[in-house]
PDB file of N, CA and C in Angstrom:
ATOM      1  N   MET A   1      39.397  17.708 -31.745  1.00  0.00           N
ATOM      2  CA  MET A   1      38.679  17.283 -30.566  1.00  0.00           C
ATOM      3  C   MET A   1      37.809  16.082 -30.937  1.00  0.00           C
ATOM      4  N   PRO A   2      37.948  14.956 -30.271  1.00  0.00           N
ATOM      5  CA  PRO A   2      37.140  13.781 -30.587  1.00  0.00           C
ATOM      6  C   PRO A   2      35.647  14.025 -30.327  1.00  0.00           C
ATOM      7  N   ALA A   3      34.821  13.204 -30.972  1.00  0.00           N
ATOM      8  CA  ALA A   3      33.372  13.373 -30.869  1.00  0.00           C
ATOM      9  C   ALA A   3      32.887  13.228 -29.432  1.00  0.00           C
ATOM     10  N   LYS A   4      33.458  12.277 -28.693  1.00  0.00           N
ATOM     11  CA  LYS A   4      33.028  12.095 -27.310  1.00  0.00           C
ATOM     12  C   LYS A   4      33.340  13.324 -26.469  1.00  0.00           C
ATOM     13  N   LYS A   5      34.481  13.932 -26.734  1.00  0.00           N
ATOM     14  CA  LYS A   5      34.833  15.122 -25.966  1.00  0.00           C
ATOM     15  C   LYS A   5      33.824  16.230 -26.242  1.00  0.00           C
ATOM     16  N   HIS A   6      33.424  16.400 -27.500  1.00  0.00           N
ATOM     17  CA  HIS A   6      32.402  17.395 -27.841  1.00  0.00           C
ATOM     18  C   HIS A   6      31.100  17.096 -27.097  1.00  0.00           C
ATOM     19  N   LEU A   7      30.726  15.819 -27.065  1.00  0.00           N
ATOM     20  CA  LEU A   7      29.500  15.416 -26.388  1.00  0.00           C
ATOM     21  C   LEU A   7      29.564  15.743 -24.899  1.00  0.00           C
ATOM     22  N   PHE A   8      30.685  15.418 -24.273  1.00  0.00           N
ATOM     23  CA  PHE A   8      30.819  15.682 -22.842  1.00  0.00           C
ATOM     24  C   PHE A   8      30.829  17.174 -22.550  1.00  0.00           C
ATOM     25  N   VAL A   9      31.478  17.963 -23.370  1.00  0.00           N
ATOM     26  CA  VAL A   9      31.507  19.415 -23.158  1.00  0.00           C
ATOM     27  C   VAL A   9      30.104  19.991 -23.344  1.00  0.00           C
ATOM     28  N   ALA A  10      29.396  19.576 -24.391  1.00  0.00           N
ATOM     29  CA  ALA A  10      28.036  20.068 -24.628  1.00  0.00           C
ATOM     30  C   ALA A  10      27.104  19.670 -23.486  1.00  0.00           C
ATOM     31  N   ALA A  11      27.204  18.420 -23.061  1.00  0.00           N
ATOM     32  CA  ALA A  11      26.367  17.960 -21.949  1.00  0.00           C
ATOM     33  C   ALA A  11      26.672  18.745 -20.681  1.00  0.00           C
ATOM     34  N   ALA A  12      27.953  18.987 -20.435  1.00  0.00           N
ATOM     35  CA  ALA A  12      28.339  19.736 -19.242  1.00  0.00           C
ATOM     36  C   ALA A  12      27.731  21.135 -19.265  1.00  0.00           C
ATOM     37  N   LEU A  13      27.816  21.807 -20.397  1.00  0.00           N
ATOM     38  CA  LEU A  13      27.298  23.171 -20.475  1.00  0.00           C
ATOM     39  C   LEU A  13      25.782  23.224 -20.307  1.00  0.00           C
ATOM     40  N   VAL A  14      25.087  22.300 -20.961  1.00  0.00           N
ATOM     41  CA  VAL A  14      23.622  22.293 -20.878  1.00  0.00           C
ATOM     42  C   VAL A  14      23.161  21.904 -19.479  1.00  0.00           C
ATOM     43  N   GLU A  15      23.724  20.829 -18.949  1.00  0.00           N
ATOM     44  CA  GLU A  15      23.275  20.330 -17.649  1.00  0.00           C
ATOM     45  C   GLU A  15      23.653  21.270 -16.513  1.00  0.00           C
ATOM     46  N   VAL A  16      24.827  21.891 -16.591  1.00  0.00           N
ATOM     47  CA  VAL A  16      25.223  22.819 -15.539  1.00  0.00           C
ATOM     48  C   VAL A  16      24.378  24.091 -15.623  1.00  0.00           C
ATOM     49  N   GLY A  17      23.779  24.354 -16.760  1.00  0.00           N
ATOM     50  CA  GLY A  17      22.831  25.464 -16.858  1.00  0.00           C
ATOM     51  C   GLY A  17      21.467  25.093 -16.297  1.00  0.00           C
ATOM     52  N   ALA A  18      21.021  23.886 -16.578  1.00  0.00           N
ATOM     53  CA  ALA A  18      19.689  23.450 -16.134  1.00  0.00           C
ATOM     54  C   ALA A  18      19.648  23.148 -14.632  1.00  0.00           C
ATOM     55  N   GLY A  19      20.694  22.535 -14.116  1.00  0.00           N
ATOM     56  CA  GLY A  19      20.709  22.148 -12.701  1.00  0.00           C
ATOM     57  C   GLY A  19      20.552  23.323 -11.756  1.00  0.00           C
ATOM     58  N   PRO A  20      21.420  24.324 -11.827  1.00  0.00           N
ATOM     59  CA  PRO A  20      21.261  25.471 -10.933  1.00  0.00           C
ATOM     60  C   PRO A  20      19.956  26.236 -11.150  1.00  0.00           C
ATOM     61  N   ALA A  21      19.446  26.240 -12.379  1.00  0.00           N
ATOM     62  CA  ALA A  21      18.158  26.901 -12.619  1.00  0.00           C
ATOM     63  C   ALA A  21      17.069  26.221 -11.794  1.00  0.00           C
ATOM     64  N   LEU A  22      17.050  24.896 -11.798  1.00  0.00           N
ATOM     65  CA  LEU A  22      16.070  24.172 -10.985  1.00  0.00           C
ATOM     66  C   LEU A  22      16.347  24.331  -9.493  1.00  0.00           C
ATOM     67  N   LEU A  23      17.603  24.365  -9.122  1.00  0.00           N
ATOM     68  CA  LEU A  23      17.937  24.499  -7.702  1.00  0.00           C
ATOM     69  C   LEU A  23      17.561  25.870  -7.145  1.00  0.00           C
ATOM     70  N   PHE A  24      17.813  26.932  -7.903  1.00  0.00           N
ATOM     71  CA  PHE A  24      17.680  28.277  -7.356  1.00  0.00           C
ATOM     72  C   PHE A  24      16.424  29.024  -7.791  1.00  0.00           C
ATOM     73  N   VAL A  25      15.870  28.707  -8.948  1.00  0.00           N
ATOM     74  CA  VAL A  25      14.634  29.360  -9.398  1.00  0.00           C
ATOM     75  C   VAL A  25      13.647  28.321  -9.957  1.00  0.00           C
ATOM     76  N   PRO A  26      13.270  27.341  -9.127  1.00  0.00           N
ATOM     77  CA  PRO A  26      12.388  26.278  -9.630  1.00  0.00           C
ATOM     78  C   PRO A  26      11.025  26.794 -10.069  1.00  0.00           C
ATOM     79  N   ARG A  27      10.556  27.882  -9.471  1.00  0.00           N
ATOM     80  CA  ARG A  27       9.246  28.431  -9.840  1.00  0.00           C
ATOM     81  C   ARG A  27       9.220  28.817 -11.323  1.00  0.00           C
ATOM     82  N   ILE A  28      10.282  29.440 -11.798  1.00  0.00           N
ATOM     83  CA  ILE A  28      10.359  29.865 -13.202  1.00  0.00           C
ATOM     84  C   ILE A  28      10.473  28.648 -14.123  1.00  0.00           C
ATOM     85  N   VAL A  29      11.334  27.707 -13.757  1.00  0.00           N
ATOM     86  CA  VAL A  29      11.540  26.524 -14.597  1.00  0.00           C
ATOM     87  C   VAL A  29      10.268  25.692 -14.674  1.00  0.00           C
ATOM     88  N   LEU A  30       9.596  25.498 -13.545  1.00  0.00           N
ATOM     89  CA  LEU A  30       8.347  24.733 -13.563  1.00  0.00           C
ATOM     90  C   LEU A  30       7.273  25.466 -14.357  1.00  0.00           C
ATOM     91  N   GLY A  31       7.283  26.778 -14.301  1.00  0.00           N
ATOM     92  CA  GLY A  31       6.342  27.543 -15.102  1.00  0.00           C
ATOM     93  C   GLY A  31       6.590  27.378 -16.589  1.00  0.00           C
ATOM     94  N   LEU A  32       7.858  27.352 -16.974  1.00  0.00           N
ATOM     95  CA  LEU A  32       8.198  27.192 -18.391  1.00  0.00           C
ATOM     96  C   LEU A  32       7.947  25.773 -18.884  1.00  0.00           C
ATOM     97  N   LEU A  33       8.347  24.778 -18.095  1.00  0.00           N
ATOM     98  CA  LEU A  33       8.242  23.387 -18.542  1.00  0.00           C
ATOM     99  C   LEU A  33       6.825  22.834 -18.461  1.00  0.00           C
ATOM    100  N   LEU A  34       6.124  23.153 -17.374  1.00  0.00           N
ATOM    101  CA  LEU A  34       4.821  22.524 -17.132  1.00  0.00           C
ATOM    102  C   LEU A  34       3.664  23.508 -17.080  1.00  0.00           C
ATOM    103  N   ALA A  35       3.932  24.780 -17.329  1.00  0.00           N
ATOM    104  CA  ALA A  35       2.903  25.817 -17.303  1.00  0.00           C
ATOM    105  C   ALA A  35       2.179  25.857 -15.959  1.00  0.00           C
ATOM    106  N   ILE A  36       2.950  25.740 -14.885  1.00  0.00           N
ATOM    107  CA  ILE A  36       2.395  25.828 -13.540  1.00  0.00           C
ATOM    108  C   ILE A  36       2.709  27.228 -13.017  1.00  0.00           C
ATOM    109  N   PRO A  37       1.721  28.133 -12.955  1.00  0.00           N
ATOM    110  CA  PRO A  37       2.021  29.509 -12.552  1.00  0.00           C
ATOM    111  C   PRO A  37       2.385  29.635 -11.069  1.00  0.00           C
ATOM    112  N   GLN A  38       1.741  28.863 -10.199  1.00  0.00           N
ATOM    113  CA  GLN A  38       2.008  28.928  -8.760  1.00  0.00           C
ATOM    114  C   GLN A  38       2.232  27.511  -8.227  1.00  0.00           C
ATOM    115  N   PRO A  39       3.450  26.971  -8.364  1.00  0.00           N
ATOM    116  CA  PRO A  39       3.695  25.623  -7.869  1.00  0.00           C
ATOM    117  C   PRO A  39       3.605  25.567  -6.345  1.00  0.00           C
ATOM    118  N   SER A  40       3.174  24.434  -5.847  1.00  0.00           N
ATOM    119  CA  SER A  40       3.080  24.227  -4.402  1.00  0.00           C
ATOM    120  C   SER A  40       4.485  24.139  -3.809  1.00  0.00           C
ATOM    121  N   PRO A  41       4.605  24.319  -2.485  1.00  0.00           N
ATOM    122  CA  PRO A  41       5.915  24.172  -1.849  1.00  0.00           C
ATOM    123  C   PRO A  41       6.528  22.790  -2.093  1.00  0.00           C
ATOM    124  N   GLU A  42       5.685  21.773  -2.150  1.00  0.00           N
ATOM    125  CA  GLU A  42       6.174  20.422  -2.406  1.00  0.00           C
ATOM    126  C   GLU A  42       6.757  20.302  -3.807  1.00  0.00           C
ATOM    127  N   ALA A  43       6.063  20.903  -4.782  1.00  0.00           N
ATOM    128  CA  ALA A  43       6.561  20.875  -6.163  1.00  0.00           C
ATOM    129  C   ALA A  43       7.879  21.623  -6.283  1.00  0.00           C
ATOM    130  N   LEU A  44       7.999  22.731  -5.553  1.00  0.00           N
ATOM    131  CA  LEU A  44       9.249  23.482  -5.567  1.00  0.00           C
ATOM    132  C   LEU A  44      10.392  22.656  -4.986  1.00  0.00           C
ATOM    133  N   LEU A  45      10.104  21.925  -3.907  1.00  0.00           N
ATOM    134  CA  LEU A  45      11.129  21.068  -3.306  1.00  0.00           C
ATOM    135  C   LEU A  45      11.543  19.958  -4.266  1.00  0.00           C
ATOM    136  N   VAL A  46      10.567  19.324  -4.906  1.00  0.00           N
ATOM    137  CA  VAL A  46      10.884  18.269  -5.873  1.00  0.00           C
ATOM    138  C   VAL A  46      11.674  18.848  -7.043  1.00  0.00           C
ATOM    139  N   GLY A  47      11.335  20.050  -7.473  1.00  0.00           N
ATOM    140  CA  GLY A  47      12.095  20.714  -8.536  1.00  0.00           C
ATOM    141  C   GLY A  47      13.534  20.959  -8.126  1.00  0.00           C
ATOM    142  N   LYS A  48      13.729  21.387  -6.886  1.00  0.00           N
ATOM    143  CA  LYS A  48      15.090  21.618  -6.402  1.00  0.00           C
ATOM    144  C   LYS A  48      15.873  20.321  -6.312  1.00  0.00           C
ATOM    145  N   VAL A  49      15.231  19.278  -5.806  1.00  0.00           N
ATOM    146  CA  VAL A  49      15.900  17.971  -5.756  1.00  0.00           C
ATOM    147  C   VAL A  49      16.225  17.505  -7.170  1.00  0.00           C
ATOM    148  N   GLY A  50      15.290  17.717  -8.095  1.00  0.00           N
ATOM    149  CA  GLY A  50      15.528  17.361  -9.490  1.00  0.00           C
ATOM    150  C   GLY A  50      16.643  18.154 -10.132  1.00  0.00           C
ATOM    151  N   GLY A  51      16.937  19.322  -9.612  1.00  0.00           N
ATOM    152  CA  GLY A  51      18.032  20.126 -10.134  1.00  0.00           C
ATOM    153  C   GLY A  51      19.397  19.565  -9.788  1.00  0.00           C
ATOM    154  N   ALA A  52      19.465  18.748  -8.760  1.00  0.00           N
ATOM    155  CA  ALA A  52      20.744  18.159  -8.370  1.00  0.00           C
ATOM    156  C   ALA A  52      21.249  17.164  -9.416  1.00  0.00           C
ATOM    157  N   ALA A  53      20.341  16.445 -10.074  1.00  0.00           N
ATOM    158  CA  ALA A  53      20.757  15.435 -11.060  1.00  0.00           C
ATOM    159  C   ALA A  53      21.455  16.056 -12.267  1.00  0.00           C
ATOM    160  N   PRO A  54      20.866  17.052 -12.933  1.00  0.00           N
ATOM    161  CA  PRO A  54      21.590  17.622 -14.070  1.00  0.00           C
ATOM    162  C   PRO A  54      22.887  18.309 -13.657  1.00  0.00           C
ATOM    163  N   LEU A  55      22.910  18.892 -12.468  1.00  0.00           N
ATOM    164  CA  LEU A  55      24.146  19.504 -12.003  1.00  0.00           C
ATOM    165  C   LEU A  55      25.236  18.456 -11.834  1.00  0.00           C
ATOM    166  N   ALA A  56      24.884  17.317 -11.231  1.00  0.00           N
ATOM    167  CA  ALA A  56      25.856  16.235 -11.057  1.00  0.00           C
ATOM    168  C   ALA A  56      26.305  15.658 -12.399  1.00  0.00           C
ATOM    169  N   ILE A  57      25.374  15.499 -13.325  1.00  0.00           N
ATOM    170  CA  ILE A  57      25.724  14.990 -14.651  1.00  0.00           C
ATOM    171  C   ILE A  57      26.634  15.973 -15.368  1.00  0.00           C
ATOM    172  N   GLY A  58      26.335  17.255 -15.253  1.00  0.00           N
ATOM    173  CA  GLY A  58      27.167  18.269 -15.901  1.00  0.00           C
ATOM    174  C   GLY A  58      28.583  18.295 -15.360  1.00  0.00           C
ATOM    175  N   ILE A  59      28.712  18.231 -14.050  1.00  0.00           N
ATOM    176  CA  ILE A  59      30.050  18.222 -13.444  1.00  0.00           C
ATOM    177  C   ILE A  59      30.798  16.957 -13.841  1.00  0.00           C
ATOM    178  N   SER A  60      30.119  15.821 -13.794  1.00  0.00           N
ATOM    179  CA  SER A  60      30.758  14.556 -14.196  1.00  0.00           C
ATOM    180  C   SER A  60      31.190  14.586 -15.653  1.00  0.00           C
ATOM    181  N   SER A  61      30.351  15.146 -16.504  1.00  0.00           N
ATOM    182  CA  SER A  61      30.686  15.234 -17.929  1.00  0.00           C
ATOM    183  C   SER A  61      31.900  16.118 -18.154  1.00  0.00           C
ATOM    184  N   TRP A  62      31.955  17.225 -17.449  1.00  0.00           N
ATOM    185  CA  TRP A  62      33.095  18.129 -17.601  1.00  0.00           C
ATOM    186  C   TRP A  62      34.383  17.441 -17.157  1.00  0.00           C
ATOM    187  N   LEU A  63      34.321  16.722 -16.054  1.00  0.00           N
ATOM    188  CA  LEU A  63      35.518  16.058 -15.541  1.00  0.00           C
ATOM    189  C   LEU A  63      35.941  14.876 -16.425  1.00  0.00           C
ATOM    190  N   ALA A  64      34.984  14.258 -17.122  1.00  0.00           N
ATOM    191  CA  ALA A  64      35.294  13.087 -17.956  1.00  0.00           C
ATOM    192  C   ALA A  64      35.656  13.463 -19.385  1.00  0.00           C
ATOM    193  N   ARG A  65      35.616  14.732 -19.735  1.00  0.00           N
ATOM    194  CA  ARG A  65      35.803  15.137 -21.133  1.00  0.00           C
ATOM    195  C   ARG A  65      37.165  14.756 -21.697  1.00  0.00           C
ATOM    196  N   ASP A  66      38.197  14.682 -20.876  1.00  0.00           N
ATOM    197  CA  ASP A  66      39.544  14.383 -21.383  1.00  0.00           C
ATOM    198  C   ASP A  66      39.953  12.922 -21.208  1.00  0.00           C
ATOM    199  N   ASP A  67      39.110  12.108 -20.575  1.00  0.00           N
ATOM    200  CA  ASP A  67      39.414  10.681 -20.457  1.00  0.00           C
ATOM    201  C   ASP A  67      39.247  10.039 -21.832  1.00  0.00           C
ATOM    202  N   ARG A  68      40.184   9.219 -22.206  1.00  0.00           N
ATOM    203  CA  ARG A  68      40.136   8.608 -23.535  1.00  0.00           C
ATOM    204  C   ARG A  68      39.862   7.114 -23.432  1.00  0.00           C
ATOM    205  N   GLY A  69      38.663   6.719 -23.859  1.00  0.00           N
ATOM    206  CA  GLY A  69      38.319   5.305 -23.918  1.00  0.00           C
ATOM    207  C   GLY A  69      38.241   4.621 -22.572  1.00  0.00           C
ATOM    208  N   CYS A  70      38.084   5.359 -21.533  1.00  0.00           N
ATOM    209  CA  CYS A  70      38.041   4.838 -20.169  1.00  0.00           C
ATOM    210  C   CYS A  70      36.668   4.197 -19.906  1.00  0.00           C
ATOM    211  N   PRO A  71      36.611   3.098 -19.161  1.00  0.00           N
ATOM    212  CA  PRO A  71      35.310   2.485 -18.860  1.00  0.00           C
ATOM    213  C   PRO A  71      34.352   3.437 -18.137  1.00  0.00           C
ATOM    214  N   SER A  72      34.882   4.367 -17.372  1.00  0.00           N
ATOM    215  CA  SER A  72      34.006   5.308 -16.677  1.00  0.00           C
ATOM    216  C   SER A  72      33.288   6.219 -17.668  1.00  0.00           C
ATOM    217  N   GLN A  73      33.932   6.533 -18.796  1.00  0.00           N
ATOM    218  CA  GLN A  73      33.269   7.336 -19.826  1.00  0.00           C
ATOM    219  C   GLN A  73      32.059   6.590 -20.381  1.00  0.00           C
ATOM    220  N   HIS A  74      32.234   5.301 -20.625  1.00  0.00           N
ATOM    221  CA  HIS A  74      31.129   4.485 -21.144  1.00  0.00           C
ATOM    222  C   HIS A  74      29.983   4.454 -20.132  1.00  0.00           C
ATOM    223  N   GLY A  75      30.312   4.295 -18.863  1.00  0.00           N
ATOM    224  CA  GLY A  75      29.285   4.287 -17.826  1.00  0.00           C
ATOM    225  C   GLY A  75      28.556   5.613 -17.736  1.00  0.00           C
ATOM    226  N   LEU A  76      29.299   6.693 -17.840  1.00  0.00           N
ATOM    227  CA  LEU A  76      28.681   8.018 -17.794  1.00  0.00           C
ATOM    228  C   LEU A  76      27.771   8.235 -19.001  1.00  0.00           C
ATOM    229  N   LEU A  77      28.203   7.802 -20.174  1.00  0.00           N
ATOM    230  CA  LEU A  77      27.357   7.924 -21.374  1.00  0.00           C
ATOM    231  C   LEU A  77      26.059   7.141 -21.217  1.00  0.00           C
ATOM    232  N   CYS A  78      26.156   5.927 -20.671  1.00  0.00           N
ATOM    233  CA  CYS A  78      24.946   5.118 -20.450  1.00  0.00           C
ATOM    234  C   CYS A  78      24.022   5.787 -19.442  1.00  0.00           C
ATOM    235  N   GLY A  79      24.590   6.322 -18.375  1.00  0.00           N
ATOM    236  CA  GLY A  79      23.793   7.025 -17.379  1.00  0.00           C
ATOM    237  C   GLY A  79      23.119   8.260 -17.950  1.00  0.00           C
ATOM    238  N   MET A  80      23.848   9.009 -18.780  1.00  0.00           N
ATOM    239  CA  MET A  80      23.267  10.194 -19.422  1.00  0.00           C
ATOM    240  C   MET A  80      22.124   9.795 -20.349  1.00  0.00           C
ATOM    241  N   LEU A  81      22.295   8.692 -21.068  1.00  0.00           N
ATOM    242  CA  LEU A  81      21.245   8.228 -21.970  1.00  0.00           C
ATOM    243  C   LEU A  81      19.981   7.878 -21.188  1.00  0.00           C
ATOM    244  N   VAL A  82      20.141   7.111 -20.124  1.00  0.00           N
ATOM    245  CA  VAL A  82      18.990   6.717 -19.308  1.00  0.00           C
ATOM    246  C   VAL A  82      18.300   7.950 -18.731  1.00  0.00           C
ATOM    247  N   TYR A  83      19.078   8.873 -18.182  1.00  0.00           N
ATOM    248  CA  TYR A  83      18.515  10.087 -17.584  1.00  0.00           C
ATOM    249  C   TYR A  83      17.763  10.908 -18.628  1.00  0.00           C
ATOM    250  N   ASN A  84      18.374  11.154 -19.773  1.00  0.00           N
ATOM    251  CA  ASN A  84      17.750  12.006 -20.784  1.00  0.00           C
ATOM    252  C   ASN A  84      16.506  11.367 -21.397  1.00  0.00           C
ATOM    253  N   VAL A  85      16.522  10.056 -21.618  1.00  0.00           N
ATOM    254  CA  VAL A  85      15.325   9.378 -22.131  1.00  0.00           C
ATOM    255  C   VAL A  85      14.211   9.444 -21.093  1.00  0.00           C
ATOM    256  N   ALA A  86      14.547   9.192 -19.824  1.00  0.00           N
ATOM    257  CA  ALA A  86      13.531   9.247 -18.768  1.00  0.00           C
ATOM    258  C   ALA A  86      12.924  10.637 -18.655  1.00  0.00           C
ATOM    259  N   VAL A  87      13.736  11.679 -18.720  1.00  0.00           N
ATOM    260  CA  VAL A  87      13.224  13.046 -18.625  1.00  0.00           C
ATOM    261  C   VAL A  87      12.299  13.340 -19.810  1.00  0.00           C
ATOM    262  N   CYS A  88      12.687  12.944 -21.004  1.00  0.00           N
ATOM    263  CA  CYS A  88      11.838  13.179 -22.183  1.00  0.00           C
ATOM    264  C   CYS A  88      10.504  12.460 -22.052  1.00  0.00           C
ATOM    265  N   VAL A  89      10.538  11.214 -21.619  1.00  0.00           N
ATOM    266  CA  VAL A  89       9.300  10.445 -21.460  1.00  0.00           C
ATOM    267  C   VAL A  89       8.417  11.073 -20.388  1.00  0.00           C
ATOM    268  N   LEU A  90       9.014  11.437 -19.258  1.00  0.00           N
ATOM    269  CA  LEU A  90       8.227  12.021 -18.164  1.00  0.00           C
ATOM    270  C   LEU A  90       7.632  13.378 -18.539  1.00  0.00           C
ATOM    271  N   LEU A  91       8.405  14.225 -19.200  1.00  0.00           N
ATOM    272  CA  LEU A  91       7.863  15.513 -19.622  1.00  0.00           C
ATOM    273  C   LEU A  91       6.794  15.345 -20.700  1.00  0.00           C
ATOM    274  N   GLY A  92       6.992  14.401 -21.611  1.00  0.00           N
ATOM    275  CA  GLY A  92       5.966  14.113 -22.615  1.00  0.00           C
ATOM    276  C   GLY A  92       4.688  13.594 -21.978  1.00  0.00           C
ATOM    277  N   TYR A  93       4.830  12.703 -21.006  1.00  0.00           N
ATOM    278  CA  TYR A  93       3.676  12.166 -20.281  1.00  0.00           C
ATOM    279  C   TYR A  93       2.959  13.286 -19.534  1.00  0.00           C
ATOM    280  N   ALA A  94       3.721  14.117 -18.839  1.00  0.00           N
ATOM    281  CA  ALA A  94       3.123  15.226 -18.090  1.00  0.00           C
ATOM    282  C   ALA A  94       2.404  16.176 -19.039  1.00  0.00           C
ATOM    283  N   GLY A  95       2.995  16.461 -20.173  1.00  0.00           N
ATOM    284  CA  GLY A  95       2.371  17.356 -21.135  1.00  0.00           C
ATOM    285  C   GLY A  95       1.078  16.794 -21.687  1.00  0.00           C
ATOM    286  N   SER A  96       1.037  15.504 -21.928  1.00  0.00           N
ATOM    287  CA  SER A  96      -0.180  14.910 -22.466  1.00  0.00           C
ATOM    288  C   SER A  96      -1.252  14.743 -21.395  1.00  0.00           C
ATOM    289  N   MET A  97      -0.860  14.490 -20.163  1.00  0.00           N
ATOM    290  CA  MET A  97      -1.834  14.301 -19.088  1.00  0.00           C
ATOM    291  C   MET A  97      -2.355  15.625 -18.534  1.00  0.00           C
ATOM    292  N   LEU A  98      -1.520  16.642 -18.518  1.00  0.00           N
ATOM    293  CA  LEU A  98      -1.948  17.931 -17.978  1.00  0.00           C
ATOM    294  C   LEU A  98      -2.768  18.730 -18.987  1.00  0.00           C
ATOM    295  N   GLN A  99      -2.711  18.333 -20.255  1.00  0.00           N
ATOM    296  CA  GLN A  99      -3.440  19.026 -21.315  1.00  0.00           C
ATOM    297  C   GLN A  99      -3.118  20.512 -21.347  1.00  0.00           C
ATOM    298  N   LYS A 100      -1.875  20.857 -21.036  1.00  0.00           N
ATOM    299  CA  LYS A 100      -1.448  22.248 -21.066  1.00  0.00           C
ATOM    300  C   LYS A 100      -0.237  22.358 -21.971  1.00  0.00           C
ATOM    301  N   ARG A 101      -0.054  23.519 -22.501  1.00  0.00           N
ATOM    302  CA  ARG A 101       1.128  23.811 -23.301  1.00  0.00           C
ATOM    303  C   ARG A 101       2.031  24.721 -22.486  1.00  0.00           C
ATOM    304  N   PRO A 102       3.337  24.490 -22.526  1.00  0.00           N
ATOM    305  CA  PRO A 102       4.238  25.411 -21.829  1.00  0.00           C
ATOM    306  C   PRO A 102       4.086  26.824 -22.374  1.00  0.00           C
ATOM    307  N   GLN A 103       4.113  27.787 -21.471  1.00  0.00           N
ATOM    308  CA  GLN A 103       3.969  29.186 -21.853  1.00  0.00           C
ATOM    309  C   GLN A 103       5.222  29.930 -21.488  1.00  0.00           C
ATOM    310  N   LEU A 104       5.566  30.886 -22.289  1.00  0.00           N
ATOM    311  CA  LEU A 104       6.757  31.694 -22.008  1.00  0.00           C
ATOM    312  C   LEU A 104       6.388  33.006 -21.334  1.00  0.00           C
ATOM    313  N   ARG A 105       5.210  33.092 -20.778  1.00  0.00           N
ATOM    314  CA  ARG A 105       4.817  34.293 -20.064  1.00  0.00           C
ATOM    315  C   ARG A 105       4.226  33.895 -18.719  1.00  0.00           C
ATOM    316  N   PHE A 106       4.242  34.816 -17.800  1.00  0.00           N
ATOM    317  CA  PHE A 106       3.716  34.566 -16.473  1.00  0.00           C
ATOM    318  C   PHE A 106       2.615  35.579 -16.183  1.00  0.00           C
ATOM    319  N   GLY A 107       1.812  35.268 -15.233  1.00  0.00           N
ATOM    320  CA  GLY A 107       0.747  36.184 -14.844  1.00  0.00           C
ATOM    321  C   GLY A 107      -0.608  35.552 -15.075  1.00  0.00           C
ATOM    322  N   ASP A 108      -1.634  36.353 -14.972  1.00  0.00           N
ATOM    323  CA  ASP A 108      -2.985  35.863 -15.162  1.00  0.00           C
ATOM    324  C   ASP A 108      -3.273  35.640 -16.630  1.00  0.00           C
ATOM    325  N   PRO A 109      -3.830  34.450 -16.956  1.00  0.00           N
ATOM    326  CA  PRO A 109      -4.190  34.229 -18.349  1.00  0.00           C
ATOM    327  C   PRO A 109      -5.412  35.079 -18.704  1.00  0.00           C
ATOM    328  N   GLY A 110      -5.328  35.741 -19.805  1.00  0.00           N
ATOM    329  CA  GLY A 110      -6.477  36.494 -20.263  1.00  0.00           C
ATOM    330  C   GLY A 110      -6.352  37.890 -19.956  1.00  0.00           C
TER     331      GLY A 110
END
């Protein structure tokens, strides 16, 4: 299996896992990522909208896994790079500005 195919399969599995999680249980994902115990309805909506991007990337990656050297593969790789770098920067920024650490538990602190 070529390296690109491995990359596309791995991306598909990870993104197709993250996308539906944000779409269907954004409260849990936002709690884990940003330590927000009770997100506002607006934050939940933005989380759901944000779940569409990884789902689309995952489906695209799965469909492109068998294309060999096709220009669309290169475009998809560039798009994945931009998306993943942007998400890392935004989550890092949010983590530093919110002064909170993600928690793996829910409920009242203390």
